[in-house]
N, C-alpha and C. Protein backbone atom coordinates (compact mmCIF):
# COMPACT_ATOMS: atom_id res chain seq x y z
N UNK A 1 66.45 29.49 -55.75
CA UNK A 1 67.12 30.51 -55.48
C UNK A 1 68.23 30.01 -54.14
N UNK A 2 69.25 30.44 -53.92
CA UNK A 2 69.48 29.64 -52.32
C UNK A 2 69.43 30.88 -51.56
N UNK A 3 70.31 30.87 -50.48
CA UNK A 3 70.03 31.59 -49.55
C UNK A 3 70.95 32.96 -49.65
N UNK A 4 71.99 32.62 -50.47
CA UNK A 4 72.93 34.11 -50.14
C UNK A 4 72.20 35.02 -51.29
N UNK A 5 71.24 34.46 -51.98
CA UNK A 5 70.94 35.10 -53.23
C UNK A 5 69.43 35.96 -53.11
N UNK A 6 68.79 35.39 -51.98
CA UNK A 6 68.04 35.73 -51.41
C UNK A 6 67.85 36.89 -50.58
N UNK A 7 69.20 36.73 -49.77
CA UNK A 7 69.76 37.53 -48.94
C UNK A 7 70.53 39.49 -49.54
N UNK A 8 70.69 39.24 -50.95
CA UNK A 8 71.13 40.05 -51.94
C UNK A 8 69.67 40.53 -52.27
N UNK A 9 68.87 40.44 -52.16
CA UNK A 9 67.91 41.14 -52.79
C UNK A 9 67.21 42.01 -51.45
N UNK A 10 67.49 41.92 -50.66
CA UNK A 10 66.57 42.30 -49.33
C UNK A 10 67.61 43.92 -48.78
N UNK A 11 68.16 43.87 -50.07
CA UNK A 11 69.05 44.99 -49.62
C UNK A 11 69.39 46.47 -51.26
N UNK A 12 68.98 47.17 -50.61
CA UNK A 12 69.39 48.11 -51.84
C UNK A 12 70.10 49.57 -51.43
N UNK A 13 71.24 50.16 -52.68
CA UNK A 13 71.67 51.41 -52.20
C UNK A 13 70.93 52.35 -52.32
N UNK A 14 71.06 53.18 -51.59
CA UNK A 14 69.98 54.97 -52.12
C UNK A 14 70.24 55.87 -50.70
N UNK A 15 69.61 57.01 -51.34
CA UNK A 15 69.88 57.82 -50.15
C UNK A 15 68.34 58.38 -49.14
N UNK A 16 68.90 58.85 -48.50
CA UNK A 16 67.87 58.79 -47.17
C UNK A 16 67.17 60.18 -46.99
N UNK A 17 66.58 61.16 -47.04
CA UNK A 17 65.90 62.57 -46.86
C UNK A 17 66.85 63.26 -47.90
N UNK A 18 66.88 64.49 -47.54
CA UNK A 18 67.41 65.16 -48.51
C UNK A 18 68.77 65.08 -48.60
N UNK A 19 69.50 64.26 -48.06
CA UNK A 19 71.30 64.09 -48.07
C UNK A 19 71.01 62.89 -49.31
N UNK A 20 71.55 63.81 -50.44
CA UNK A 20 72.34 63.41 -51.94
C UNK A 20 72.96 62.57 -51.62
N UNK A 21 74.12 63.24 -51.17
CA UNK A 21 75.53 62.88 -50.62
C UNK A 21 76.15 61.56 -50.03
N UNK A 22 75.33 60.88 -49.09
CA UNK A 22 75.69 59.76 -48.25
C UNK A 22 74.60 58.75 -48.72
N UNK A 23 75.19 57.68 -49.43
CA UNK A 23 74.50 57.00 -49.91
C UNK A 23 74.54 55.48 -48.68
N UNK A 24 73.26 55.03 -48.62
CA UNK A 24 73.05 54.16 -47.36
C UNK A 24 72.67 52.72 -47.96
N UNK A 25 73.17 51.25 -47.51
CA UNK A 25 72.46 50.35 -47.48
C UNK A 25 70.81 50.23 -46.85
N UNK A 26 69.95 50.16 -47.97
CA UNK A 26 68.51 50.10 -47.31
C UNK A 26 68.03 48.97 -47.47
N UNK A 27 67.36 48.47 -46.26
CA UNK A 27 66.48 47.24 -45.91
C UNK A 27 65.59 47.28 -47.09
N UNK A 28 64.63 46.71 -47.71
CA UNK A 28 63.69 46.96 -48.00
C UNK A 28 62.96 45.70 -47.68
N UNK A 29 61.52 46.67 -47.24
CA UNK A 29 60.81 46.28 -45.81
C UNK A 29 59.69 45.74 -47.07
N UNK A 30 59.15 46.62 -47.64
CA UNK A 30 57.65 46.11 -48.36
C UNK A 30 58.45 46.79 -49.73
N UNK A 31 57.18 46.33 -50.79
CA UNK A 31 57.80 47.08 -51.97
C UNK A 31 58.12 49.07 -52.24
N UNK A 32 57.59 49.23 -51.04
CA UNK A 32 57.51 51.08 -50.98
C UNK A 32 57.85 51.41 -50.00
N UNK A 33 58.69 50.22 -48.95
CA UNK A 33 58.91 51.01 -47.41
C UNK A 33 60.58 50.41 -47.82
N UNK A 34 61.92 51.14 -47.42
CA UNK A 34 63.21 50.85 -47.35
C UNK A 34 63.60 51.88 -46.14
N UNK A 35 64.58 51.23 -45.51
CA UNK A 35 65.18 51.81 -43.62
C UNK A 35 66.42 51.81 -44.05
N UNK A 36 67.36 52.64 -43.93
CA UNK A 36 68.41 52.44 -43.83
C UNK A 36 69.16 51.74 -42.63
N UNK A 37 69.83 50.74 -42.99
CA UNK A 37 70.47 49.84 -42.35
C UNK A 37 71.25 50.21 -40.39
N UNK A 38 72.11 51.63 -40.92
CA UNK A 38 72.31 51.98 -39.84
C UNK A 38 71.08 52.96 -39.07
N UNK A 39 70.21 53.40 -39.49
CA UNK A 39 69.38 53.87 -38.78
C UNK A 39 69.31 55.59 -39.10
N UNK A 40 69.34 55.99 -40.25
CA UNK A 40 69.43 57.39 -40.92
C UNK A 40 68.02 57.21 -40.93
N UNK A 41 67.49 58.86 -40.24
CA UNK A 41 66.16 59.55 -41.47
C UNK A 41 65.01 59.39 -40.04
N UNK A 42 63.82 59.40 -40.97
CA UNK A 42 62.77 59.09 -40.47
C UNK A 42 62.09 57.59 -40.40
N UNK A 43 61.36 57.10 -39.45
CA UNK A 43 60.80 55.90 -40.15
C UNK A 43 60.05 56.17 -41.24
N UNK A 44 59.45 57.47 -41.14
CA UNK A 44 58.46 57.62 -42.33
C UNK A 44 58.98 58.49 -43.70
N UNK A 45 59.91 58.90 -43.28
CA UNK A 45 61.02 59.73 -44.75
C UNK A 45 61.17 59.02 -46.01
N UNK A 46 61.35 59.90 -46.67
CA UNK A 46 61.76 59.50 -48.36
C UNK A 46 63.22 58.73 -48.56
N UNK A 47 62.75 57.67 -49.07
CA UNK A 47 63.87 57.33 -49.63
C UNK A 47 64.41 56.58 -50.90
N UNK A 48 65.72 57.15 -51.43
CA UNK A 48 65.45 57.00 -53.18
C UNK A 48 66.79 56.00 -53.00
N UNK A 49 66.18 55.17 -54.44
CA UNK A 49 66.87 54.08 -55.03
C UNK A 49 67.74 54.39 -55.59
N UNK A 50 69.24 54.61 -55.43
CA UNK A 50 70.63 54.55 -56.48
C UNK A 50 71.27 53.46 -57.15
N UNK A 51 72.16 53.61 -58.46
CA UNK A 51 72.78 52.61 -58.55
C UNK A 51 74.43 53.35 -58.24
N UNK A 52 74.11 53.30 -56.99
CA UNK A 52 76.24 54.18 -56.29
C UNK A 52 76.42 53.16 -55.78
N UNK A 53 77.65 53.30 -55.12
CA UNK A 53 78.56 52.66 -54.55
C UNK A 53 77.86 52.75 -52.53
N UNK A 54 77.40 52.14 -52.03
CA UNK A 54 77.69 52.37 -50.78
C UNK A 54 78.37 53.61 -50.09
N UNK A 55 78.84 54.63 -49.16
CA UNK A 55 79.49 55.11 -49.04
C UNK A 55 79.16 55.58 -47.22
N UNK A 56 77.93 55.32 -46.67
CA UNK A 56 77.91 55.53 -45.37
C UNK A 56 78.87 54.64 -44.04
N UNK A 57 79.63 54.94 -43.41
CA UNK A 57 80.72 54.33 -42.76
C UNK A 57 80.23 53.21 -41.46
N UNK A 58 78.56 53.69 -41.33
CA UNK A 58 77.92 53.04 -40.30
C UNK A 58 77.48 52.02 -41.29
N UNK A 59 76.42 51.81 -42.10
CA UNK A 59 76.06 50.85 -42.87
C UNK A 59 77.09 50.22 -43.56
N UNK A 60 78.45 50.41 -44.03
CA UNK A 60 79.59 49.33 -44.21
C UNK A 60 79.56 48.80 -43.52
N UNK A 61 79.93 49.31 -42.13
CA UNK A 61 80.17 48.85 -40.98
C UNK A 61 79.31 47.93 -40.50
N UNK A 62 78.15 47.70 -40.49
CA UNK A 62 77.06 46.70 -40.00
C UNK A 62 76.64 46.25 -41.10
N UNK A 63 76.12 44.87 -40.77
CA UNK A 63 75.27 43.62 -41.51
C UNK A 63 73.95 44.28 -42.24
N UNK A 64 73.48 43.53 -42.82
CA UNK A 64 72.17 43.92 -43.77
C UNK A 64 71.48 43.56 -42.44
N UNK A 65 71.58 42.52 -41.36
CA UNK A 65 70.34 42.50 -40.67
C UNK A 65 70.26 43.85 -39.35
N UNK A 66 71.20 44.73 -39.99
CA UNK A 66 71.11 45.65 -38.41
C UNK A 66 72.52 45.62 -37.57
N UNK A 67 72.99 44.67 -37.55
CA UNK A 67 74.07 43.59 -36.21
C UNK A 67 75.31 44.63 -37.01
N UNK A 68 76.25 45.00 -35.83
CA UNK A 68 77.25 45.35 -36.09
C UNK A 68 78.46 44.32 -35.73
């Protein structure tokens, strides 16, 4: 695999906590741990993966490494 394909597997779209309307780009830390790229939510909070388009403005303007 090339580096671009590897990078694509590091993030997924999903929601954080009880807010199911805002879809974030979630960085996959390990099999059970995902964190919003924009920093939303609790570090120990619940995240759910969705097959929906990311609509969080902060996640859309932040690259997958968490840098604006």
